[in-house]
Amino acid sequence: MTTELHEGPLEAAPTIAPAKLSWREQRRNRRRKRVWFEEILGWILVPVIVVGSYWLAEGMLAAVGTSFSAIFNGLTTITQNL
Protein backbone atom coordinates (compact mmCIF):
# COMPACT_ATOMS: atom_id res chain seq x y z
CA MET A 1 0.00 0.00 0.00
CA THR A 2 1.48 3.33 -1.03
CA THR A 3 0.48 6.90 -0.33
CA GLU A 4 0.97 9.84 -2.58
CA LEU A 5 3.03 12.59 -1.08
CA HIS A 6 2.24 16.07 -2.32
CA GLU A 7 5.09 18.52 -2.20
CA GLY A 8 4.59 22.21 -2.69
CA PRO A 9 1.89 24.71 -1.69
CA LEU A 10 -1.62 23.44 -1.15
CA GLU A 11 -4.36 24.74 -3.38
CA ALA A 12 -7.11 26.73 -1.75
CA ALA A 13 -10.44 24.99 -1.72
CA PRO A 14 -13.04 26.69 -3.89
CA THR A 15 -15.39 28.78 -1.81
CA ILE A 16 -19.06 28.48 -2.47
CA ALA A 17 -21.15 31.45 -1.48
CA PRO A 18 -23.97 30.39 0.84
CA ALA A 19 -27.38 30.71 -0.73
CA LYS A 20 -29.54 33.49 0.61
CA LEU A 21 -32.08 32.22 3.11
CA SER A 22 -35.75 32.55 2.28
CA TRP A 23 -37.92 34.75 4.47
CA ARG A 24 -39.40 31.65 6.13
CA GLU A 25 -35.95 30.33 7.04
CA GLN A 26 -34.94 33.76 8.34
CA ARG A 27 -38.09 33.90 10.47
CA ARG A 28 -37.44 30.38 11.79
CA ASN A 29 -33.86 31.34 12.74
CA ARG A 30 -35.04 34.50 14.49
CA ARG A 31 -37.69 32.53 16.36
CA ARG A 32 -35.15 29.88 17.40
CA LYS A 33 -32.78 32.57 18.72
CA ARG A 34 -35.61 34.32 20.55
CA VAL A 35 -36.78 31.09 22.18
CA TRP A 36 -33.24 30.33 23.40
CA PHE A 37 -32.86 33.89 24.69
CA GLU A 38 -36.19 33.72 26.54
CA GLU A 39 -35.30 30.34 28.03
CA ILE A 40 -31.94 31.59 29.33
CA LEU A 41 -33.53 34.79 30.59
CA GLY A 42 -36.19 32.76 32.39
CA TRP A 43 -33.58 30.60 34.12
CA ILE A 44 -31.91 33.77 35.37
CA LEU A 45 -34.92 35.95 36.20
CA VAL A 46 -37.21 33.44 37.94
CA PRO A 47 -34.80 32.71 40.82
CA VAL A 48 -34.04 36.42 41.13
CA ILE A 49 -37.77 37.21 41.36
CA VAL A 50 -38.41 34.44 43.91
CA VAL A 51 -35.52 35.47 46.15
CA GLY A 52 -36.38 39.15 45.76
CA SER A 53 -40.00 38.47 46.72
CA TYR A 54 -38.86 36.62 49.84
CA TRP A 55 -36.58 39.50 50.83
CA LEU A 56 -39.37 42.00 50.19
CA ALA A 57 -41.78 40.01 52.38
CA GLU A 58 -39.13 39.71 55.12
CA GLY A 59 -38.52 43.45 54.96
CA MET A 60 -42.21 44.29 55.13
CA LEU A 61 -42.75 41.95 58.09
CA ALA A 62 -39.70 43.42 59.86
CA ALA A 63 -41.10 46.92 59.28
CA VAL A 64 -44.37 45.87 60.92
CA GLY A 65 -42.46 44.24 63.77
CA THR A 66 -43.02 40.53 63.16
CA SER A 67 -41.44 37.64 61.28
CA PHE A 68 -42.38 34.48 59.42
CA SER A 69 -41.55 32.35 62.46
CA ALA A 70 -43.81 34.45 64.72
CA ILE A 71 -46.67 34.13 62.24
CA PHE A 72 -46.08 30.37 61.91
CA ASN A 73 -46.03 29.95 65.71
CA GLY A 74 -49.28 31.91 65.99
CA LEU A 75 -50.94 29.75 63.34
CA THR A 76 -49.83 26.53 65.05
CA THR A 77 -51.18 27.82 68.37
CA ILE A 78 -54.53 28.64 66.76
CA THR A 79 -54.78 25.22 65.06
CA GLN A 80 -53.86 23.38 68.29
CA ASN A 81 -56.62 25.18 70.20
CA LEU A 82 -59.31 24.24 67.69
PDB file of N, CA and C in Angstrom:
ATOM      1  N   MET A   1       0.855  -1.162   0.000  1.00  0.00           N
ATOM      2  CA  MET A   1       0.000   0.000   0.000  1.00  0.00           C
ATOM      3  C   MET A   1       0.908   1.233   0.000  1.00  0.00           C
ATOM      4  N   THR A   2       0.659   2.131  -0.922  1.00  0.00           N
ATOM      5  CA  THR A   2       1.482   3.335  -1.025  1.00  0.00           C
ATOM      6  C   THR A   2       0.594   4.550  -0.855  1.00  0.00           C
ATOM      7  N   THR A   3       1.198   5.631  -0.433  1.00  0.00           N
ATOM      8  CA  THR A   3       0.482   6.903  -0.334  1.00  0.00           C
ATOM      9  C   THR A   3       1.177   7.896  -1.232  1.00  0.00           C
ATOM     10  N   GLU A   4       0.392   8.789  -1.744  1.00  0.00           N
ATOM     11  CA  GLU A   4       0.967   9.841  -2.576  1.00  0.00           C
ATOM     12  C   GLU A   4       1.362  10.999  -1.680  1.00  0.00           C
ATOM     13  N   LEU A   5       2.530  11.490  -1.864  1.00  0.00           N
ATOM     14  CA  LEU A   5       3.030  12.594  -1.076  1.00  0.00           C
ATOM     15  C   LEU A   5       3.031  13.823  -1.971  1.00  0.00           C
ATOM     16  N   HIS A   6       2.319  14.854  -1.526  1.00  0.00           N
ATOM     17  CA  HIS A   6       2.239  16.070  -2.319  1.00  0.00           C
ATOM     18  C   HIS A   6       3.239  17.060  -1.763  1.00  0.00           C
ATOM     19  N   GLU A   7       4.112  17.529  -2.619  1.00  0.00           N
ATOM     20  CA  GLU A   7       5.085  18.523  -2.202  1.00  0.00           C
ATOM     21  C   GLU A   7       4.737  19.827  -2.884  1.00  0.00           C
ATOM     22  N   GLY A   8       4.880  20.905  -2.144  1.00  0.00           N
ATOM     23  CA  GLY A   8       4.586  22.210  -2.694  1.00  0.00           C
ATOM     24  C   GLY A   8       3.379  22.826  -1.993  1.00  0.00           C
ATOM     25  N   PRO A   9       3.008  24.034  -2.366  1.00  0.00           N
ATOM     26  CA  PRO A   9       1.888  24.714  -1.692  1.00  0.00           C
ATOM     27  C   PRO A   9       0.558  24.018  -1.994  1.00  0.00           C
ATOM     28  N   LEU A  10      -0.296  24.034  -0.981  1.00  0.00           N
ATOM     29  CA  LEU A  10      -1.618  23.445  -1.150  1.00  0.00           C
ATOM     30  C   LEU A  10      -2.513  24.422  -1.888  1.00  0.00           C
ATOM     31  N   GLU A  11      -3.415  23.891  -2.661  1.00  0.00           N
ATOM     32  CA  GLU A  11      -4.360  24.742  -3.379  1.00  0.00           C
ATOM     33  C   GLU A  11      -5.518  25.090  -2.446  1.00  0.00           C
ATOM     34  N   ALA A  12      -5.980  26.301  -2.565  1.00  0.00           N
ATOM     35  CA  ALA A  12      -7.112  26.732  -1.754  1.00  0.00           C
ATOM     36  C   ALA A  12      -8.374  26.061  -2.274  1.00  0.00           C
ATOM     37  N   ALA A  13      -9.189  25.630  -1.343  1.00  0.00           N
ATOM     38  CA  ALA A  13     -10.444  24.993  -1.723  1.00  0.00           C
ATOM     39  C   ALA A  13     -11.366  26.051  -2.314  1.00  0.00           C
ATOM     40  N   PRO A  14     -12.116  25.697  -3.315  1.00  0.00           N
ATOM     41  CA  PRO A  14     -13.036  26.686  -3.885  1.00  0.00           C
ATOM     42  C   PRO A  14     -14.111  27.038  -2.867  1.00  0.00           C
ATOM     43  N   THR A  15     -14.378  28.325  -2.756  1.00  0.00           N
ATOM     44  CA  THR A  15     -15.394  28.779  -1.807  1.00  0.00           C
ATOM     45  C   THR A  15     -16.720  28.913  -2.541  1.00  0.00           C
ATOM     46  N   ILE A  16     -17.722  28.390  -1.905  1.00  0.00           N
ATOM     47  CA  ILE A  16     -19.065  28.477  -2.467  1.00  0.00           C
ATOM     48  C   ILE A  16     -19.843  29.452  -1.601  1.00  0.00           C
ATOM     49  N   ALA A  17     -20.383  30.461  -2.217  1.00  0.00           N
ATOM     50  CA  ALA A  17     -21.145  31.453  -1.476  1.00  0.00           C
ATOM     51  C   ALA A  17     -22.436  30.800  -0.976  1.00  0.00           C
ATOM     52  N   PRO A  18     -22.747  30.994   0.322  1.00  0.00           N
ATOM     53  CA  PRO A  18     -23.973  30.393   0.836  1.00  0.00           C
ATOM     54  C   PRO A  18     -25.198  31.028   0.171  1.00  0.00           C
ATOM     55  N   ALA A  19     -26.167  30.206  -0.098  1.00  0.00           N
ATOM     56  CA  ALA A  19     -27.385  30.707  -0.729  1.00  0.00           C
ATOM     57  C   ALA A  19     -28.130  31.581   0.256  1.00  0.00           C
ATOM     58  N   LYS A  20     -28.777  32.598  -0.236  1.00  0.00           N
ATOM     59  CA  LYS A  20     -29.539  33.493   0.608  1.00  0.00           C
ATOM     60  C   LYS A  20     -30.739  32.744   1.163  1.00  0.00           C
ATOM     61  N   LEU A  21     -30.974  32.913   2.467  1.00  0.00           N
ATOM     62  CA  LEU A  21     -32.081  32.218   3.107  1.00  0.00           C
ATOM     63  C   LEU A  21     -33.403  32.848   2.706  1.00  0.00           C
ATOM     64  N   SER A  22     -34.419  32.029   2.594  1.00  0.00           N
ATOM     65  CA  SER A  22     -35.746  32.550   2.283  1.00  0.00           C
ATOM     66  C   SER A  22     -36.287  33.259   3.518  1.00  0.00           C
ATOM     67  N   TRP A  23     -37.374  33.996   3.352  1.00  0.00           N
ATOM     68  CA  TRP A  23     -37.923  34.751   4.474  1.00  0.00           C
ATOM     69  C   TRP A  23     -38.456  33.795   5.545  1.00  0.00           C
ATOM     70  N   ARG A  24     -38.922  32.623   5.148  1.00  0.00           N
ATOM     71  CA  ARG A  24     -39.397  31.645   6.135  1.00  0.00           C
ATOM     72  C   ARG A  24     -38.234  31.103   6.971  1.00  0.00           C
ATOM     73  N   GLU A  25     -37.121  30.814   6.313  1.00  0.00           N
ATOM     74  CA  GLU A  25     -35.952  30.328   7.042  1.00  0.00           C
ATOM     75  C   GLU A  25     -35.392  31.409   7.958  1.00  0.00           C
ATOM     76  N   GLN A  26     -35.397  32.658   7.497  1.00  0.00           N
ATOM     77  CA  GLN A  26     -34.938  33.759   8.341  1.00  0.00           C
ATOM     78  C   GLN A  26     -35.835  33.904   9.567  1.00  0.00           C
ATOM     79  N   ARG A  27     -37.147  33.797   9.355  1.00  0.00           N
ATOM     80  CA  ARG A  27     -38.090  33.901  10.465  1.00  0.00           C
ATOM     81  C   ARG A  27     -37.883  32.751  11.450  1.00  0.00           C
ATOM     82  N   ARG A  28     -37.666  31.538  10.926  1.00  0.00           N
ATOM     83  CA  ARG A  28     -37.437  30.377  11.787  1.00  0.00           C
ATOM     84  C   ARG A  28     -36.163  30.566  12.604  1.00  0.00           C
ATOM     85  N   ASN A  29     -35.111  31.101  11.996  1.00  0.00           N
ATOM     86  CA  ASN A  29     -33.862  31.343  12.736  1.00  0.00           C
ATOM     87  C   ASN A  29     -34.052  32.404  13.814  1.00  0.00           C
ATOM     88  N   ARG A  30     -34.787  33.469  13.483  1.00  0.00           N
ATOM     89  CA  ARG A  30     -35.045  34.503  14.488  1.00  0.00           C
ATOM     90  C   ARG A  30     -35.852  33.937  15.646  1.00  0.00           C
ATOM     91  N   ARG A  31     -36.862  33.129  15.328  1.00  0.00           N
ATOM     92  CA  ARG A  31     -37.692  32.527  16.364  1.00  0.00           C
ATOM     93  C   ARG A  31     -36.860  31.599  17.243  1.00  0.00           C
ATOM     94  N   ARG A  32     -35.992  30.802  16.635  1.00  0.00           N
ATOM     95  CA  ARG A  32     -35.147  29.880  17.397  1.00  0.00           C
ATOM     96  C   ARG A  32     -34.239  30.658  18.341  1.00  0.00           C
ATOM     97  N   LYS A  33     -33.638  31.748  17.857  1.00  0.00           N
ATOM     98  CA  LYS A  33     -32.781  32.570  18.715  1.00  0.00           C
ATOM     99  C   LYS A  33     -33.577  33.200  19.843  1.00  0.00           C
ATOM    100  N   ARG A  34     -34.783  33.683  19.531  1.00  0.00           N
ATOM    101  CA  ARG A  34     -35.610  34.322  20.550  1.00  0.00           C
ATOM    102  C   ARG A  34     -36.024  33.319  21.619  1.00  0.00           C
ATOM    103  N   VAL A  35     -36.378  32.107  21.215  1.00  0.00           N
ATOM    104  CA  VAL A  35     -36.780  31.087  22.181  1.00  0.00           C
ATOM    105  C   VAL A  35     -35.617  30.761  23.104  1.00  0.00           C
ATOM    106  N   TRP A  36     -34.419  30.597  22.563  1.00  0.00           N
ATOM    107  CA  TRP A  36     -33.238  30.327  23.395  1.00  0.00           C
ATOM    108  C   TRP A  36     -32.982  31.481  24.357  1.00  0.00           C
ATOM    109  N   PHE A  37     -33.091  32.710  23.850  1.00  0.00           N
ATOM    110  CA  PHE A  37     -32.860  33.889  24.689  1.00  0.00           C
ATOM    111  C   PHE A  37     -33.878  33.936  25.824  1.00  0.00           C
ATOM    112  N   GLU A  38     -35.160  33.690  25.508  1.00  0.00           N
ATOM    113  CA  GLU A  38     -36.188  33.718  26.538  1.00  0.00           C
ATOM    114  C   GLU A  38     -35.983  32.610  27.560  1.00  0.00           C
ATOM    115  N   GLU A  39     -35.540  31.455  27.118  1.00  0.00           N
ATOM    116  CA  GLU A  39     -35.299  30.339  28.035  1.00  0.00           C
ATOM    117  C   GLU A  39     -34.164  30.678  28.998  1.00  0.00           C
ATOM    118  N   ILE A  40     -33.078  31.212  28.479  1.00  0.00           N
ATOM    119  CA  ILE A  40     -31.943  31.591  29.335  1.00  0.00           C
ATOM    120  C   ILE A  40     -32.351  32.710  30.286  1.00  0.00           C
ATOM    121  N   LEU A  41     -33.080  33.683  29.757  1.00  0.00           N
ATOM    122  CA  LEU A  41     -33.535  34.793  30.591  1.00  0.00           C
ATOM    123  C   LEU A  41     -34.454  34.299  31.702  1.00  0.00           C
ATOM    124  N   GLY A  42     -35.303  33.325  31.381  1.00  0.00           N
ATOM    125  CA  GLY A  42     -36.189  32.759  32.394  1.00  0.00           C
ATOM    126  C   GLY A  42     -35.425  32.055  33.493  1.00  0.00           C
ATOM    127  N   TRP A  43     -34.380  31.291  33.122  1.00  0.00           N
ATOM    128  CA  TRP A  43     -33.581  30.595  34.122  1.00  0.00           C
ATOM    129  C   TRP A  43     -32.842  31.564  35.027  1.00  0.00           C
ATOM    130  N   ILE A  44     -32.604  32.768  34.551  1.00  0.00           N
ATOM    131  CA  ILE A  44     -31.914  33.771  35.371  1.00  0.00           C
ATOM    132  C   ILE A  44     -32.920  34.577  36.189  1.00  0.00           C
ATOM    133  N   LEU A  45     -34.000  35.031  35.540  1.00  0.00           N
ATOM    134  CA  LEU A  45     -34.921  35.954  36.204  1.00  0.00           C
ATOM    135  C   LEU A  45     -35.834  35.296  37.230  1.00  0.00           C
ATOM    136  N   VAL A  46     -36.280  34.072  37.001  1.00  0.00           N
ATOM    137  CA  VAL A  46     -37.212  33.440  37.938  1.00  0.00           C
ATOM    138  C   VAL A  46     -36.592  33.288  39.328  1.00  0.00           C
ATOM    139  N   PRO A  47     -35.382  32.766  39.462  1.00  0.00           N
ATOM    140  CA  PRO A  47     -34.804  32.713  40.819  1.00  0.00           C
ATOM    141  C   PRO A  47     -34.598  34.097  41.429  1.00  0.00           C
ATOM    142  N   VAL A  48     -34.229  35.059  40.611  1.00  0.00           N
ATOM    143  CA  VAL A  48     -34.043  36.422  41.129  1.00  0.00           C
ATOM    144  C   VAL A  48     -35.361  36.971  41.650  1.00  0.00           C
ATOM    145  N   ILE A  49     -36.455  36.734  40.933  1.00  0.00           N
ATOM    146  CA  ILE A  49     -37.773  37.213  41.360  1.00  0.00           C
ATOM    147  C   ILE A  49     -38.219  36.500  42.630  1.00  0.00           C
ATOM    148  N   VAL A  50     -37.994  35.191  42.722  1.00  0.00           N
ATOM    149  CA  VAL A  50     -38.409  34.439  43.913  1.00  0.00           C
ATOM    150  C   VAL A  50     -37.638  34.913  45.140  1.00  0.00           C
ATOM    151  N   VAL A  51     -36.327  35.021  45.014  1.00  0.00           N
ATOM    152  CA  VAL A  51     -35.516  35.465  46.154  1.00  0.00           C
ATOM    153  C   VAL A  51     -35.842  36.912  46.513  1.00  0.00           C
ATOM    154  N   GLY A  52     -36.023  37.755  45.504  1.00  0.00           N
ATOM    155  CA  GLY A  52     -36.378  39.149  45.762  1.00  0.00           C
ATOM    156  C   GLY A  52     -37.729  39.282  46.443  1.00  0.00           C
ATOM    157  N   SER A  53     -38.689  38.444  46.069  1.00  0.00           N
ATOM    158  CA  SER A  53     -40.003  38.473  46.720  1.00  0.00           C
ATOM    159  C   SER A  53     -39.890  38.060  48.184  1.00  0.00           C
ATOM    160  N   TYR A  54     -39.065  37.049  48.450  1.00  0.00           N
ATOM    161  CA  TYR A  54     -38.861  36.624  49.839  1.00  0.00           C
ATOM    162  C   TYR A  54     -38.237  37.756  50.654  1.00  0.00           C
ATOM    163  N   TRP A  55     -37.217  38.390  50.109  1.00  0.00           N
ATOM    164  CA  TRP A  55     -36.579  39.500  50.834  1.00  0.00           C
ATOM    165  C   TRP A  55     -37.549  40.660  51.041  1.00  0.00           C
ATOM    166  N   LEU A  56     -38.381  40.932  50.052  1.00  0.00           N
ATOM    167  CA  LEU A  56     -39.370  42.000  50.185  1.00  0.00           C
ATOM    168  C   LEU A  56     -40.368  41.664  51.286  1.00  0.00           C
ATOM    169  N   ALA A  57     -40.845  40.420  51.327  1.00  0.00           N
ATOM    170  CA  ALA A  57     -41.783  40.013  52.375  1.00  0.00           C
ATOM    171  C   ALA A  57     -41.117  40.079  53.751  1.00  0.00           C
ATOM    172  N   GLU A  58     -39.868  39.624  53.845  1.00  0.00           N
ATOM    173  CA  GLU A  58     -39.135  39.707  55.117  1.00  0.00           C
ATOM    174  C   GLU A  58     -39.001  41.166  55.566  1.00  0.00           C
ATOM    175  N   GLY A  59     -38.672  42.031  54.630  1.00  0.00           N
ATOM    176  CA  GLY A  59     -38.518  43.446  54.961  1.00  0.00           C
ATOM    177  C   GLY A  59     -39.821  44.077  55.412  1.00  0.00           C
ATOM    178  N   MET A  60     -40.914  43.736  54.745  1.00  0.00           N
ATOM    179  CA  MET A  60     -42.214  44.290  55.135  1.00  0.00           C
ATOM    180  C   MET A  60     -42.634  43.775  56.509  1.00  0.00           C
ATOM    181  N   LEU A  61     -42.402  42.485  56.772  1.00  0.00           N
ATOM    182  CA  LEU A  61     -42.753  41.953  58.092  1.00  0.00           C
ATOM    183  C   LEU A  61     -41.869  42.557  59.179  1.00  0.00           C
ATOM    184  N   ALA A  62     -40.603  42.786  58.883  1.00  0.00           N
ATOM    185  CA  ALA A  62     -39.703  43.420  59.859  1.00  0.00           C
ATOM    186  C   ALA A  62     -40.141  44.855  60.130  1.00  0.00           C
ATOM    187  N   ALA A  63     -40.637  45.545  59.097  1.00  0.00           N
ATOM    188  CA  ALA A  63     -41.098  46.920  59.280  1.00  0.00           C
ATOM    189  C   ALA A  63     -42.339  46.959  60.168  1.00  0.00           C
ATOM    190  N   VAL A  64     -43.158  45.928  60.101  1.00  0.00           N
ATOM    191  CA  VAL A  64     -44.366  45.869  60.920  1.00  0.00           C
ATOM    192  C   VAL A  64     -44.031  45.380  62.327  1.00  0.00           C
ATOM    193  N   GLY A  65     -42.906  44.680  62.466  1.00  0.00           N
ATOM    194  CA  GLY A  65     -42.465  44.236  63.774  1.00  0.00           C
ATOM    195  C   GLY A  65     -42.720  42.762  64.029  1.00  0.00           C
ATOM    196  N   THR A  66     -42.802  41.968  62.997  1.00  0.00           N
ATOM    197  CA  THR A  66     -43.024  40.534  63.160  1.00  0.00           C
ATOM    198  C   THR A  66     -42.104  39.768  62.217  1.00  0.00           C
ATOM    199  N   SER A  67     -42.253  38.458  62.166  1.00  0.00           N
ATOM    200  CA  SER A  67     -41.440  37.644  61.284  1.00  0.00           C
ATOM    201  C   SER A  67     -42.258  36.437  60.846  1.00  0.00           C
ATOM    202  N   PHE A  68     -41.697  35.683  59.896  1.00  0.00           N
ATOM    203  CA  PHE A  68     -42.378  34.481  59.425  1.00  0.00           C
ATOM    204  C   PHE A  68     -42.524  33.463  60.546  1.00  0.00           C
ATOM    205  N   SER A  69     -41.489  33.334  61.374  1.00  0.00           N
ATOM    206  CA  SER A  69     -41.552  32.355  62.456  1.00  0.00           C
ATOM    207  C   SER A  69     -42.620  32.730  63.481  1.00  0.00           C
ATOM    208  N   ALA A  70     -42.777  34.015  63.776  1.00  0.00           N
ATOM    209  CA  ALA A  70     -43.809  34.445  64.721  1.00  0.00           C
ATOM    210  C   ALA A  70     -45.206  34.169  64.152  1.00  0.00           C
ATOM    211  N   ILE A  71     -45.386  34.407  62.876  1.00  0.00           N
ATOM    212  CA  ILE A  71     -46.675  34.129  62.241  1.00  0.00           C
ATOM    213  C   ILE A  71     -46.943  32.633  62.241  1.00  0.00           C
ATOM    214  N   PHE A  72     -45.919  31.825  61.916  1.00  0.00           N
ATOM    215  CA  PHE A  72     -46.080  30.369  61.907  1.00  0.00           C
ATOM    216  C   PHE A  72     -46.410  29.846  63.302  1.00  0.00           C
ATOM    217  N   ASN A  73     -45.727  30.374  64.330  1.00  0.00           N
ATOM    218  CA  ASN A  73     -46.030  29.954  65.706  1.00  0.00           C
ATOM    219  C   ASN A  73     -47.450  30.343  66.098  1.00  0.00           C
ATOM    220  N   GLY A  74     -47.906  31.497  65.701  1.00  0.00           N
ATOM    221  CA  GLY A  74     -49.282  31.913  65.991  1.00  0.00           C
ATOM    222  C   GLY A  74     -50.295  31.010  65.303  1.00  0.00           C
ATOM    223  N   LEU A  75     -50.021  30.640  64.039  1.00  0.00           N
ATOM    224  CA  LEU A  75     -50.943  29.747  63.336  1.00  0.00           C
ATOM    225  C   LEU A  75     -50.973  28.359  63.963  1.00  0.00           C
ATOM    226  N   THR A  76     -49.826  27.847  64.396  1.00  0.00           N
ATOM    227  CA  THR A  76     -49.828  26.532  65.046  1.00  0.00           C
ATOM    228  C   THR A  76     -50.563  26.581  66.376  1.00  0.00           C
ATOM    229  N   THR A  77     -50.450  27.667  67.099  1.00  0.00           N
ATOM    230  CA  THR A  77     -51.177  27.820  68.366  1.00  0.00           C
ATOM    231  C   THR A  77     -52.679  27.849  68.109  1.00  0.00           C
ATOM    232  N   ILE A  78     -53.097  28.563  67.094  1.00  0.00           N
ATOM    233  CA  ILE A  78     -54.532  28.638  66.757  1.00  0.00           C
ATOM    234  C   ILE A  78     -55.058  27.261  66.364  1.00  0.00           C
ATOM    235  N   THR A  79     -54.301  26.529  65.516  1.00  0.00           N
ATOM    236  CA  THR A  79     -54.775  25.218  65.061  1.00  0.00           C
ATOM    237  C   THR A  79     -54.766  24.186  66.189  1.00  0.00           C
ATOM    238  N   GLN A  80     -53.869  24.302  67.161  1.00  0.00           N
ATOM    239  CA  GLN A  80     -53.865  23.379  68.294  1.00  0.00           C
ATOM    240  C   GLN A  80     -55.030  23.616  69.227  1.00  0.00           C
ATOM    241  N   ASN A  81     -55.518  24.845  69.298  1.00  0.00           N
ATOM    242  CA  ASN A  81     -56.624  25.177  70.197  1.00  0.00           C
ATOM    243  C   ASN A  81     -57.985  24.918  69.573  1.00  0.00           C
ATOM    244  N   LEU A  82     -58.025  24.525  68.332  1.00  0.00           N
ATOM    245  CA  LEU A  82     -59.307  24.236  67.695  1.00  0.00           C
ATOM    246  C   LEU A  82     -59.826  22.902  68.043  1.00  0.00           C
TER     247      LEU A  82
END
